[in-house]
Amino acid sequence: MGQKNNPNGFRHTGLDINPVANYKMLFQKRLIQKKYIEGVYRNYTLGNVLEKGKDTWIVEYSKLPKKTSAVDKENVLKLKNLTIIEKKLTDNENATVIANNLKKEFSINLKKTLQKNKIPDSGCHLISKGRHNGAEIANQEEYGNRLPMQTVKEPIEYAYKTALTKYGLISLKISTLLKKNNK
């Protein structure tokens, strides 16, 4: 006697397990919309770009563009029939914002980049891997204080970005502790 399987899953949960019609087309549409929004906000220091609903997106940013003027976003986004909700963040509030700051300003030397863009003194850890200072062999550099990755009590936010230098790609991994009020 073999085990009898329930056709609705292990237990009947009431979830619809039928595949979403046109999933591939919907996924590609969302990906194109996200890339379009990131292109419109390319001069900003972006955080996360999140989908809230159908054709509604939340854009987190920390800095307005310095050299170029802000784009007339309403007219540009009307072309795609998108609704954007902007959320202003402080510079060190989000791991993605810190990673994008470092990626934008990255030079060959990581120490010079960190002098321009300070990472928070507490609750932030940076791991950078690649050919720093044009070294022949890639190495790893770590900055900041260690974070407890195994604890459940303290929520951690994580971001990963790659910076392009004339010697190749350098990966930036940033972990930050979330503040107690952001839970």
C-alpha atoms as a PDB file:
ATOM      1  CA  MET A   1       0.000   0.000   0.000  1.00  0.00           C
ATOM      2  CA  GLY A   2       1.482   3.278  -1.065  1.00  0.00           C
ATOM      3  CA  GLN A   3       0.835   6.690   0.321  1.00  0.00           C
ATOM      4  CA  LYS A   4      -2.234   8.351  -1.071  1.00  0.00           C
ATOM      5  CA  ASN A   5      -1.607  11.899  -2.206  1.00  0.00           C
ATOM      6  CA  ASN A   6      -4.146  14.639  -1.967  1.00  0.00           C
ATOM      7  CA  PRO A   7      -4.466  16.303  -5.410  1.00  0.00           C
ATOM      8  CA  ASN A   8      -4.766  19.704  -3.685  1.00  0.00           C
ATOM      9  CA  GLY A   9      -1.445  19.366  -1.857  1.00  0.00           C
ATOM     10  CA  PHE A  10      -0.359  17.934   1.454  1.00  0.00           C
ATOM     11  CA  ARG A  11      -3.356  19.407   3.182  1.00  0.00           C
ATOM     12  CA  HIS A  12      -6.246  21.206   1.608  1.00  0.00           C
ATOM     13  CA  THR A  13      -5.347  24.844   2.226  1.00  0.00           C
ATOM     14  CA  GLY A  14      -7.793  26.505  -0.119  1.00  0.00           C
ATOM     15  CA  LEU A  15      -4.956  27.987  -2.165  1.00  0.00           C
ATOM     16  CA  ASP A  16      -5.365  28.045  -5.910  1.00  0.00           C
ATOM     17  CA  ILE A  17      -2.426  26.107  -7.294  1.00  0.00           C
ATOM     18  CA  ASN A  18      -3.381  26.528 -10.934  1.00  0.00           C
ATOM     19  CA  PRO A  19      -0.723  28.439 -12.848  1.00  0.00           C
ATOM     20  CA  VAL A  20      -1.291  32.091 -13.585  1.00  0.00           C
ATOM     21  CA  ALA A  21      -2.324  32.585 -17.196  1.00  0.00           C
ATOM     22  CA  ASN A  22       0.310  34.401 -19.243  1.00  0.00           C
ATOM     23  CA  TYR A  23       2.823  34.347 -16.370  1.00  0.00           C
ATOM     24  CA  LYS A  24       5.788  34.814 -18.687  1.00  0.00           C
ATOM     25  CA  MET A  25       4.217  37.835 -20.358  1.00  0.00           C
ATOM     26  CA  LEU A  26       3.284  39.423 -16.992  1.00  0.00           C
ATOM     27  CA  PHE A  27       6.791  38.812 -15.611  1.00  0.00           C
ATOM     28  CA  GLN A  28       8.412  40.402 -18.666  1.00  0.00           C
ATOM     29  CA  LYS A  29       6.046  43.381 -18.475  1.00  0.00           C
ATOM     30  CA  ARG A  30       6.939  43.975 -14.797  1.00  0.00           C
ATOM     31  CA  LEU A  31      10.651  43.635 -15.538  1.00  0.00           C
ATOM     32  CA  ILE A  32      10.433  46.150 -18.403  1.00  0.00           C
ATOM     33  CA  GLN A  33       8.480  48.581 -16.191  1.00  0.00           C
ATOM     34  CA  LYS A  34      11.074  48.303 -13.404  1.00  0.00           C
ATOM     35  CA  LYS A  35      13.984  48.910 -15.804  1.00  0.00           C
ATOM     36  CA  TYR A  36      12.089  51.880 -17.295  1.00  0.00           C
ATOM     37  CA  ILE A  37      11.544  53.420 -13.851  1.00  0.00           C
ATOM     38  CA  GLU A  38      15.202  52.864 -12.906  1.00  0.00           C
ATOM     39  CA  GLY A  39      16.149  54.610 -16.161  1.00  0.00           C
ATOM     40  CA  VAL A  40      13.922  57.615 -15.385  1.00  0.00           C
ATOM     41  CA  TYR A  41      15.484  57.878 -11.902  1.00  0.00           C
ATOM     42  CA  ARG A  42      19.046  57.067 -13.064  1.00  0.00           C
ATOM     43  CA  ASN A  43      20.521  60.336 -11.741  1.00  0.00           C
ATOM     44  CA  TYR A  44      18.997  59.848  -8.287  1.00  0.00           C
ATOM     45  CA  THR A  45      20.568  57.753  -5.532  1.00  0.00           C
ATOM     46  CA  LEU A  46      18.004  54.978  -5.526  1.00  0.00           C
ATOM     47  CA  GLY A  47      16.947  52.581  -2.842  1.00  0.00           C
ATOM     48  CA  ASN A  48      14.444  49.876  -3.669  1.00  0.00           C
ATOM     49  CA  VAL A  49      11.983  49.973  -6.554  1.00  0.00           C
ATOM     50  CA  LEU A  50       8.984  47.934  -5.421  1.00  0.00           C
ATOM     51  CA  GLU A  51       5.748  47.011  -7.149  1.00  0.00           C
ATOM     52  CA  LYS A  52       2.733  47.923  -5.012  1.00  0.00           C
ATOM     53  CA  GLY A  53      -0.037  46.944  -7.385  1.00  0.00           C
ATOM     54  CA  LYS A  54      -0.871  46.802 -11.039  1.00  0.00           C
ATOM     55  CA  ASP A  55       1.019  49.666 -12.713  1.00  0.00           C
ATOM     56  CA  THR A  56       1.766  51.224  -9.294  1.00  0.00           C
ATOM     57  CA  TRP A  57       5.369  51.381  -8.056  1.00  0.00           C
ATOM     58  CA  ILE A  58       7.121  52.650  -4.914  1.00  0.00           C
ATOM     59  CA  VAL A  59      10.478  54.346  -5.550  1.00  0.00           C
ATOM     60  CA  GLU A  60      12.806  54.917  -2.590  1.00  0.00           C
ATOM     61  CA  TYR A  61      15.578  57.479  -3.055  1.00  0.00           C
ATOM     62  CA  SER A  62      17.939  59.397  -0.816  1.00  0.00           C
ATOM     63  CA  LYS A  63      19.551  62.099  -2.971  1.00  0.00           C
ATOM     64  CA  LEU A  64      18.311  64.263  -5.795  1.00  0.00           C
ATOM     65  CA  PRO A  65      20.610  64.583  -8.809  1.00  0.00           C
ATOM     66  CA  LYS A  66      23.461  67.060  -8.356  1.00  0.00           C
ATOM     67  CA  LYS A  67      24.514  67.935 -11.875  1.00  0.00           C
ATOM     68  CA  THR A  68      21.381  67.366 -13.922  1.00  0.00           C
ATOM     69  CA  SER A  69      17.946  68.738 -13.246  1.00  0.00           C
ATOM     70  CA  ALA A  70      15.124  66.500 -12.160  1.00  0.00           C
ATOM     71  CA  VAL A  71      13.213  64.993 -15.054  1.00  0.00           C
ATOM     72  CA  ASP A  72       9.577  65.931 -15.581  1.00  0.00           C
ATOM     73  CA  LYS A  73       8.556  62.506 -14.303  1.00  0.00           C
ATOM     74  CA  GLU A  74       4.809  62.987 -14.643  1.00  0.00           C
ATOM     75  CA  ASN A  75       4.975  63.442 -18.407  1.00  0.00           C
ATOM     76  CA  VAL A  76       7.488  60.633 -18.888  1.00  0.00           C
ATOM     77  CA  LEU A  77       5.532  58.145 -16.787  1.00  0.00           C
ATOM     78  CA  LYS A  78       2.209  59.009 -18.446  1.00  0.00           C
ATOM     79  CA  LEU A  79       3.614  57.463 -21.611  1.00  0.00           C
ATOM     80  CA  LYS A  80       3.704  54.070 -19.863  1.00  0.00           C
ATOM     81  CA  ASN A  81       0.537  54.646 -17.753  1.00  0.00           C
ATOM     82  CA  LEU A  82       2.463  54.148 -14.497  1.00  0.00           C
ATOM     83  CA  THR A  83       1.742  55.564 -11.062  1.00  0.00           C
ATOM     84  CA  ILE A  84       4.779  56.328  -8.904  1.00  0.00           C
ATOM     85  CA  ILE A  85       4.837  56.811  -5.132  1.00  0.00           C
ATOM     86  CA  GLU A  86       8.103  58.447  -4.049  1.00  0.00           C
ATOM     87  CA  LYS A  87       9.616  57.818  -0.635  1.00  0.00           C
ATOM     88  CA  LYS A  88      12.534  59.960   0.571  1.00  0.00           C
ATOM     89  CA  LEU A  89      15.076  58.128   2.734  1.00  0.00           C
ATOM     90  CA  THR A  90      18.028  59.314   4.764  1.00  0.00           C
ATOM     91  CA  ASP A  91      21.451  58.373   3.417  1.00  0.00           C
ATOM     92  CA  ASN A  92      22.114  55.473   5.779  1.00  0.00           C
ATOM     93  CA  GLU A  93      18.579  54.207   6.338  1.00  0.00           C
ATOM     94  CA  ASN A  94      18.587  51.484   3.703  1.00  0.00           C
ATOM     95  CA  ALA A  95      21.261  48.954   2.669  1.00  0.00           C
ATOM     96  CA  THR A  96      20.355  49.408  -1.003  1.00  0.00           C
ATOM     97  CA  VAL A  97      20.884  53.175  -0.762  1.00  0.00           C
ATOM     98  CA  ILE A  98      24.335  52.659   0.782  1.00  0.00           C
ATOM     99  CA  ALA A  99      25.248  50.135  -1.925  1.00  0.00           C
ATOM    100  CA  ASN A 100      24.069  52.432  -4.739  1.00  0.00           C
ATOM    101  CA  ASN A 101      26.019  55.356  -3.226  1.00  0.00           C
ATOM    102  CA  LEU A 102      29.212  53.294  -3.206  1.00  0.00           C
ATOM    103  CA  LYS A 103      28.570  51.900  -6.682  1.00  0.00           C
ATOM    104  CA  LYS A 104      28.086  55.371  -8.187  1.00  0.00           C
ATOM    105  CA  GLU A 105      31.199  56.887  -6.651  1.00  0.00           C
ATOM    106  CA  PHE A 106      33.433  53.807  -6.823  1.00  0.00           C
ATOM    107  CA  SER A 107      36.991  54.454  -7.866  1.00  0.00           C
ATOM    108  CA  ILE A 108      39.847  51.970  -8.001  1.00  0.00           C
ATOM    109  CA  ASN A 109      40.634  52.392  -4.323  1.00  0.00           C
ATOM    110  CA  LEU A 110      37.937  51.394  -1.839  1.00  0.00           C
ATOM    111  CA  LYS A 111      39.386  53.491   0.998  1.00  0.00           C
ATOM    112  CA  LYS A 112      39.096  56.695  -1.061  1.00  0.00           C
ATOM    113  CA  THR A 113      35.527  55.791  -1.962  1.00  0.00           C
ATOM    114  CA  LEU A 114      34.678  55.250   1.704  1.00  0.00           C
ATOM    115  CA  GLN A 115      36.166  58.641   2.579  1.00  0.00           C
ATOM    116  CA  LYS A 116      33.749  60.283   0.130  1.00  0.00           C
ATOM    117  CA  ASN A 117      30.742  58.166   1.156  1.00  0.00           C
ATOM    118  CA  LYS A 118      30.745  57.344   4.833  1.00  0.00           C
ATOM    119  CA  ILE A 119      29.059  54.153   5.941  1.00  0.00           C
ATOM    120  CA  PRO A 120      27.315  54.204   9.342  1.00  0.00           C
ATOM    121  CA  ASP A 121      29.595  53.684  12.341  1.00  0.00           C
ATOM    122  CA  SER A 122      27.336  51.137  13.994  1.00  0.00           C
ATOM    123  CA  GLY A 123      25.114  48.458  12.551  1.00  0.00           C
ATOM    124  CA  CYS A 124      26.700  48.249   9.090  1.00  0.00           C
ATOM    125  CA  HIS A 125      29.101  45.742   7.538  1.00  0.00           C
ATOM    126  CA  LEU A 126      30.657  45.965   4.062  1.00  0.00           C
ATOM    127  CA  ILE A 127      32.361  43.133   2.194  1.00  0.00           C
ATOM    128  CA  SER A 128      34.044  44.032  -1.076  1.00  0.00           C
ATOM    129  CA  LYS A 129      35.582  41.451  -3.409  1.00  0.00           C
ATOM    130  CA  GLY A 130      37.548  42.089  -6.568  1.00  0.00           C
ATOM    131  CA  ARG A 131      40.753  43.526  -7.952  1.00  0.00           C
ATOM    132  CA  HIS A 132      41.260  46.425  -5.537  1.00  0.00           C
ATOM    133  CA  ASN A 133      43.935  48.951  -6.532  1.00  0.00           C
ATOM    134  CA  GLY A 134      44.473  47.032  -9.785  1.00  0.00           C
ATOM    135  CA  ALA A 135      45.913  43.956  -8.074  1.00  0.00           C
ATOM    136  CA  GLU A 136      46.626  40.925 -10.253  1.00  0.00           C
ATOM    137  CA  ILE A 137      44.755  38.591  -7.905  1.00  0.00           C
ATOM    138  CA  ALA A 138      41.316  39.464  -6.570  1.00  0.00           C
ATOM    139  CA  ASN A 139      41.022  39.839  -2.817  1.00  0.00           C
ATOM    140  CA  GLN A 140      38.423  40.589  -0.185  1.00  0.00           C
ATOM    141  CA  GLU A 141      38.230  43.666   2.030  1.00  0.00           C
ATOM    142  CA  GLU A 142      35.852  44.140   4.967  1.00  0.00           C
ATOM    143  CA  TYR A 143      34.830  47.360   6.683  1.00  0.00           C
ATOM    144  CA  GLY A 144      32.521  48.160   9.558  1.00  0.00           C
ATOM    145  CA  ASN A 145      31.638  46.071  12.541  1.00  0.00           C
ATOM    146  CA  ARG A 146      30.523  42.458  12.426  1.00  0.00           C
ATOM    147  CA  LEU A 147      26.800  41.785  12.543  1.00  0.00           C
ATOM    148  CA  PRO A 148      25.116  38.838  14.245  1.00  0.00           C
ATOM    149  CA  MET A 149      23.812  36.937  11.219  1.00  0.00           C
ATOM    150  CA  GLN A 150      22.470  33.995  13.243  1.00  0.00           C
ATOM    151  CA  THR A 151      20.201  35.880  15.630  1.00  0.00           C
ATOM    152  CA  VAL A 152      16.478  36.091  15.130  1.00  0.00           C
ATOM    153  CA  LYS A 153      15.971  39.045  17.452  1.00  0.00           C
ATOM    154  CA  GLU A 154      17.645  41.647  15.277  1.00  0.00           C
ATOM    155  CA  PRO A 155      16.346  42.139  11.720  1.00  0.00           C
ATOM    156  CA  ILE A 156      19.026  42.604   9.067  1.00  0.00           C
ATOM    157  CA  GLU A 157      18.725  44.188   5.632  1.00  0.00           C
ATOM    158  CA  TYR A 158      21.066  43.052   2.880  1.00  0.00           C
ATOM    159  CA  ALA A 159      22.069  44.544  -0.474  1.00  0.00           C
ATOM    160  CA  TYR A 160      24.392  43.375  -3.249  1.00  0.00           C
ATOM    161  CA  LYS A 161      25.729  45.562  -6.065  1.00  0.00           C
ATOM    162  CA  THR A 162      28.566  45.319  -8.558  1.00  0.00           C
ATOM    163  CA  ALA A 163      30.728  48.297  -9.491  1.00  0.00           C
ATOM    164  CA  LEU A 164      32.554  48.475 -12.802  1.00  0.00           C
ATOM    165  CA  THR A 165      36.148  49.713 -12.670  1.00  0.00           C
ATOM    166  CA  LYS A 166      38.823  49.769 -15.338  1.00  0.00           C
ATOM    167  CA  TYR A 167      40.273  46.592 -13.776  1.00  0.00           C
ATOM    168  CA  GLY A 168      37.001  44.669 -13.770  1.00  0.00           C
ATOM    169  CA  LEU A 169      33.972  44.125 -11.578  1.00  0.00           C
ATOM    170  CA  ILE A 170      34.023  44.603  -7.818  1.00  0.00           C
ATOM    171  CA  SER A 171      31.189  43.186  -5.732  1.00  0.00           C
ATOM    172  CA  LEU A 172      29.808  45.142  -2.796  1.00  0.00           C
ATOM    173  CA  LYS A 173      27.803  43.315  -0.138  1.00  0.00           C
ATOM    174  CA  ILE A 174      26.266  45.453   2.572  1.00  0.00           C
ATOM    175  CA  SER A 175      24.407  44.288   5.666  1.00  0.00           C
ATOM    176  CA  THR A 176      22.709  46.748   8.017  1.00  0.00           C
ATOM    177  CA  LEU A 177      20.794  46.316  11.219  1.00  0.00           C
ATOM    178  CA  LEU A 178      17.287  47.675  10.954  1.00  0.00           C
ATOM    179  CA  LYS A 179      16.228  50.115  13.617  1.00  0.00           C
ATOM    180  CA  LYS A 180      13.684  48.932  16.147  1.00  0.00           C
ATOM    181  CA  ASN A 181      11.019  51.348  14.868  1.00  0.00           C
ATOM    182  CA  ASN A 182      11.332  50.068  11.249  1.00  0.00           C
ATOM    183  CA  LYS A 183      10.064  46.555  12.021  1.00  0.00           C
END
